[in-house]
Amino acid sequence: MTIIVDGPLIRLAGNCGAEDAEILLSRLQEAPESQIDVSASRHLHGAVVQVFLALRPTVRGMAEDVFLRDWVIPCLAAPP
């Protein structure tokens, strides 16, 4: 499993596919205060990135994925 829920922390690990977007969306809707740890993720499908951009959760860690590290995470830190 690529999404591991540990209390208020959601860990993304390995390659997160499109099917993970629905799981992530549901969890963030149930607990919007959750933080996302991407330090163990290697790749995020565009659908997962869309959940990030739509709900703007707090992201911890730094991903190996260059696009996520250089473009997505800085966008989440910027005001909407």
N, C-alpha and C. Protein backbone atom coordinates (compact mmCIF):
# COMPACT_ATOMS: atom_id res chain seq x y z
N MET A 1 0.85 -1.19 0.00
CA MET A 1 0.00 0.00 0.00
C MET A 1 0.88 1.24 0.00
N THR A 2 0.50 2.21 -0.77
CA THR A 2 1.31 3.41 -0.88
C THR A 2 0.85 4.53 0.04
N ILE A 3 -0.34 4.40 0.63
CA ILE A 3 -0.84 5.41 1.58
C ILE A 3 -0.96 4.75 2.94
N ILE A 4 -0.24 5.29 3.91
CA ILE A 4 -0.26 4.76 5.27
C ILE A 4 -0.75 5.87 6.18
N VAL A 5 -1.86 5.62 6.86
CA VAL A 5 -2.42 6.61 7.78
C VAL A 5 -1.93 6.29 9.18
N ASP A 6 -1.27 7.27 9.79
CA ASP A 6 -0.73 7.12 11.14
C ASP A 6 -1.22 8.29 11.97
N GLY A 7 -2.47 8.17 12.46
CA GLY A 7 -3.08 9.27 13.21
C GLY A 7 -3.29 10.47 12.30
N PRO A 8 -2.78 11.64 12.69
CA PRO A 8 -2.96 12.84 11.86
C PRO A 8 -1.95 12.95 10.71
N LEU A 9 -1.10 11.92 10.57
CA LEU A 9 -0.08 11.94 9.52
C LEU A 9 -0.43 10.91 8.44
N ILE A 10 -0.37 11.33 7.19
CA ILE A 10 -0.59 10.44 6.06
C ILE A 10 0.74 10.32 5.33
N ARG A 11 1.28 9.11 5.29
CA ARG A 11 2.56 8.87 4.63
C ARG A 11 2.31 8.30 3.23
N LEU A 12 2.97 8.90 2.24
CA LEU A 12 2.92 8.39 0.88
C LEU A 12 4.25 7.71 0.61
N ALA A 13 4.18 6.46 0.13
CA ALA A 13 5.41 5.68 -0.09
C ALA A 13 5.42 5.08 -1.48
N GLY A 14 6.59 5.04 -2.07
CA GLY A 14 6.75 4.41 -3.38
C GLY A 14 6.08 5.21 -4.48
N ASN A 15 5.51 4.49 -5.43
CA ASN A 15 4.81 5.10 -6.56
C ASN A 15 3.32 5.16 -6.27
N CYS A 16 2.78 6.34 -6.12
CA CYS A 16 1.36 6.52 -5.82
C CYS A 16 0.61 6.68 -7.14
N GLY A 17 -0.27 5.74 -7.42
CA GLY A 17 -1.02 5.74 -8.66
C GLY A 17 -2.33 6.49 -8.57
N ALA A 18 -3.06 6.49 -9.67
CA ALA A 18 -4.34 7.19 -9.75
C ALA A 18 -5.33 6.67 -8.72
N GLU A 19 -5.30 5.38 -8.44
CA GLU A 19 -6.23 4.81 -7.47
C GLU A 19 -6.00 5.34 -6.06
N ASP A 20 -4.81 5.86 -5.78
CA ASP A 20 -4.51 6.42 -4.47
C ASP A 20 -5.13 7.80 -4.26
N ALA A 21 -5.47 8.48 -5.34
CA ALA A 21 -6.05 9.82 -5.24
C ALA A 21 -7.37 9.79 -4.48
N GLU A 22 -8.21 8.80 -4.76
CA GLU A 22 -9.51 8.73 -4.08
C GLU A 22 -9.33 8.44 -2.59
N ILE A 23 -8.39 7.58 -2.26
CA ILE A 23 -8.12 7.28 -0.85
C ILE A 23 -7.61 8.52 -0.13
N LEU A 24 -6.69 9.22 -0.76
CA LEU A 24 -6.13 10.44 -0.17
C LEU A 24 -7.21 11.51 -0.02
N LEU A 25 -8.02 11.69 -1.03
CA LEU A 25 -9.10 12.67 -0.98
C LEU A 25 -10.06 12.36 0.17
N SER A 26 -10.47 11.11 0.30
CA SER A 26 -11.39 10.72 1.38
C SER A 26 -10.79 11.00 2.74
N ARG A 27 -9.53 10.64 2.92
CA ARG A 27 -8.88 10.85 4.21
C ARG A 27 -8.77 12.34 4.55
N LEU A 28 -8.41 13.15 3.57
CA LEU A 28 -8.28 14.59 3.82
C LEU A 28 -9.63 15.25 4.05
N GLN A 29 -10.69 14.73 3.44
CA GLN A 29 -12.02 15.27 3.70
C GLN A 29 -12.50 14.90 5.10
N GLU A 30 -12.14 13.69 5.56
CA GLU A 30 -12.51 13.25 6.91
C GLU A 30 -11.70 13.98 7.97
N ALA A 31 -10.44 14.25 7.69
CA ALA A 31 -9.54 14.88 8.67
C ALA A 31 -8.69 15.93 7.96
N PRO A 32 -9.28 17.12 7.69
CA PRO A 32 -8.55 18.14 6.93
C PRO A 32 -7.29 18.66 7.61
N GLU A 33 -7.14 18.41 8.90
CA GLU A 33 -5.94 18.86 9.61
C GLU A 33 -4.76 17.91 9.40
N SER A 34 -4.97 16.82 8.71
CA SER A 34 -3.91 15.84 8.47
C SER A 34 -2.75 16.47 7.71
N GLN A 35 -1.56 15.98 8.01
CA GLN A 35 -0.36 16.40 7.29
C GLN A 35 0.08 15.24 6.41
N ILE A 36 0.71 15.57 5.29
CA ILE A 36 1.17 14.57 4.34
C ILE A 36 2.69 14.50 4.40
N ASP A 37 3.22 13.29 4.56
CA ASP A 37 4.67 13.07 4.53
C ASP A 37 5.01 12.42 3.20
N VAL A 38 5.77 13.11 2.37
CA VAL A 38 6.12 12.61 1.03
C VAL A 38 7.56 12.12 0.94
N SER A 39 8.26 12.05 2.07
CA SER A 39 9.69 11.72 2.03
C SER A 39 9.98 10.32 1.49
N ALA A 40 9.03 9.40 1.57
CA ALA A 40 9.25 8.04 1.06
C ALA A 40 8.61 7.83 -0.32
N SER A 41 8.06 8.88 -0.90
CA SER A 41 7.41 8.72 -2.21
C SER A 41 8.44 8.91 -3.33
N ARG A 42 8.25 8.13 -4.39
CA ARG A 42 9.13 8.25 -5.55
C ARG A 42 8.44 8.93 -6.71
N HIS A 43 7.13 8.70 -6.85
CA HIS A 43 6.38 9.28 -7.96
C HIS A 43 4.93 9.43 -7.54
N LEU A 44 4.32 10.55 -7.90
CA LEU A 44 2.90 10.77 -7.64
C LEU A 44 2.17 10.94 -8.97
N HIS A 45 1.12 10.18 -9.14
CA HIS A 45 0.29 10.31 -10.33
C HIS A 45 -0.34 11.71 -10.34
N GLY A 46 -0.64 12.22 -11.51
CA GLY A 46 -1.25 13.54 -11.64
C GLY A 46 -2.52 13.70 -10.83
N ALA A 47 -3.30 12.62 -10.67
CA ALA A 47 -4.53 12.69 -9.89
C ALA A 47 -4.23 12.96 -8.41
N VAL A 48 -3.16 12.40 -7.91
CA VAL A 48 -2.75 12.64 -6.51
C VAL A 48 -2.30 14.10 -6.37
N VAL A 49 -1.55 14.58 -7.34
CA VAL A 49 -1.11 15.98 -7.33
C VAL A 49 -2.31 16.91 -7.36
N GLN A 50 -3.34 16.57 -8.13
CA GLN A 50 -4.55 17.39 -8.19
C GLN A 50 -5.23 17.47 -6.83
N VAL A 51 -5.24 16.37 -6.07
CA VAL A 51 -5.80 16.40 -4.72
C VAL A 51 -5.00 17.37 -3.86
N PHE A 52 -3.67 17.32 -3.98
CA PHE A 52 -2.81 18.26 -3.24
C PHE A 52 -3.18 19.70 -3.58
N LEU A 53 -3.28 19.99 -4.86
CA LEU A 53 -3.53 21.36 -5.29
C LEU A 53 -4.93 21.84 -4.94
N ALA A 54 -5.90 20.93 -4.93
CA ALA A 54 -7.27 21.31 -4.60
C ALA A 54 -7.46 21.54 -3.11
N LEU A 55 -6.88 20.66 -2.28
CA LEU A 55 -7.12 20.74 -0.84
C LEU A 55 -6.00 21.42 -0.07
N ARG A 56 -4.84 21.56 -0.69
CA ARG A 56 -3.69 22.26 -0.11
C ARG A 56 -3.34 21.81 1.31
N PRO A 57 -3.09 20.51 1.49
CA PRO A 57 -2.70 20.04 2.83
C PRO A 57 -1.29 20.48 3.17
N THR A 58 -0.95 20.40 4.44
CA THR A 58 0.42 20.66 4.89
C THR A 58 1.27 19.47 4.48
N VAL A 59 2.38 19.74 3.81
CA VAL A 59 3.25 18.67 3.32
C VAL A 59 4.56 18.71 4.08
N ARG A 60 4.99 17.53 4.55
CA ARG A 60 6.26 17.40 5.26
C ARG A 60 7.20 16.53 4.43
N GLY A 61 8.48 16.72 4.63
CA GLY A 61 9.47 15.90 3.94
C GLY A 61 9.71 16.40 2.53
N MET A 62 10.66 15.79 1.87
CA MET A 62 10.99 16.16 0.51
C MET A 62 10.98 14.88 -0.33
N ALA A 63 10.27 14.93 -1.41
CA ALA A 63 10.13 13.78 -2.29
C ALA A 63 11.30 13.66 -3.24
N GLU A 64 11.55 12.43 -3.72
CA GLU A 64 12.56 12.21 -4.75
C GLU A 64 12.11 12.76 -6.09
N ASP A 65 10.81 12.79 -6.32
CA ASP A 65 10.26 13.22 -7.60
C ASP A 65 10.57 14.70 -7.82
N VAL A 66 11.30 15.02 -8.87
CA VAL A 66 11.75 16.38 -9.14
C VAL A 66 10.57 17.33 -9.36
N PHE A 67 9.57 16.91 -10.10
CA PHE A 67 8.40 17.76 -10.35
C PHE A 67 7.71 18.12 -9.04
N LEU A 68 7.51 17.14 -8.19
CA LEU A 68 6.87 17.39 -6.90
C LEU A 68 7.72 18.33 -6.06
N ARG A 69 9.00 18.04 -5.98
CA ARG A 69 9.91 18.83 -5.15
C ARG A 69 10.05 20.27 -5.63
N ASP A 70 10.20 20.45 -6.95
CA ASP A 70 10.51 21.78 -7.48
C ASP A 70 9.29 22.62 -7.84
N TRP A 71 8.15 21.98 -8.09
CA TRP A 71 6.99 22.73 -8.57
C TRP A 71 5.76 22.62 -7.67
N VAL A 72 5.39 21.41 -7.29
CA VAL A 72 4.13 21.23 -6.55
C VAL A 72 4.25 21.73 -5.12
N ILE A 73 5.25 21.26 -4.38
CA ILE A 73 5.37 21.64 -2.97
C ILE A 73 5.52 23.16 -2.80
N PRO A 74 6.35 23.84 -3.63
CA PRO A 74 6.39 25.31 -3.51
C PRO A 74 5.04 25.97 -3.78
N CYS A 75 4.24 25.42 -4.68
CA CYS A 75 2.90 25.98 -4.95
C CYS A 75 2.00 25.83 -3.73
N LEU A 76 2.15 24.74 -3.00
CA LEU A 76 1.33 24.53 -1.80
C LEU A 76 1.69 25.52 -0.71
N ALA A 77 2.94 25.93 -0.68
CA ALA A 77 3.40 26.87 0.35
C ALA A 77 2.97 28.30 0.03
N ALA A 78 2.70 28.58 -1.23
CA ALA A 78 2.30 29.93 -1.63
C ALA A 78 0.83 30.18 -1.29
N PRO A 79 0.46 31.42 -1.01
CA PRO A 79 -0.95 31.72 -0.74
C PRO A 79 -1.80 31.40 -1.97
N PRO A 80 -3.04 30.91 -1.75
CA PRO A 80 -3.90 30.57 -2.91
C PRO A 80 -4.32 31.78 -3.71
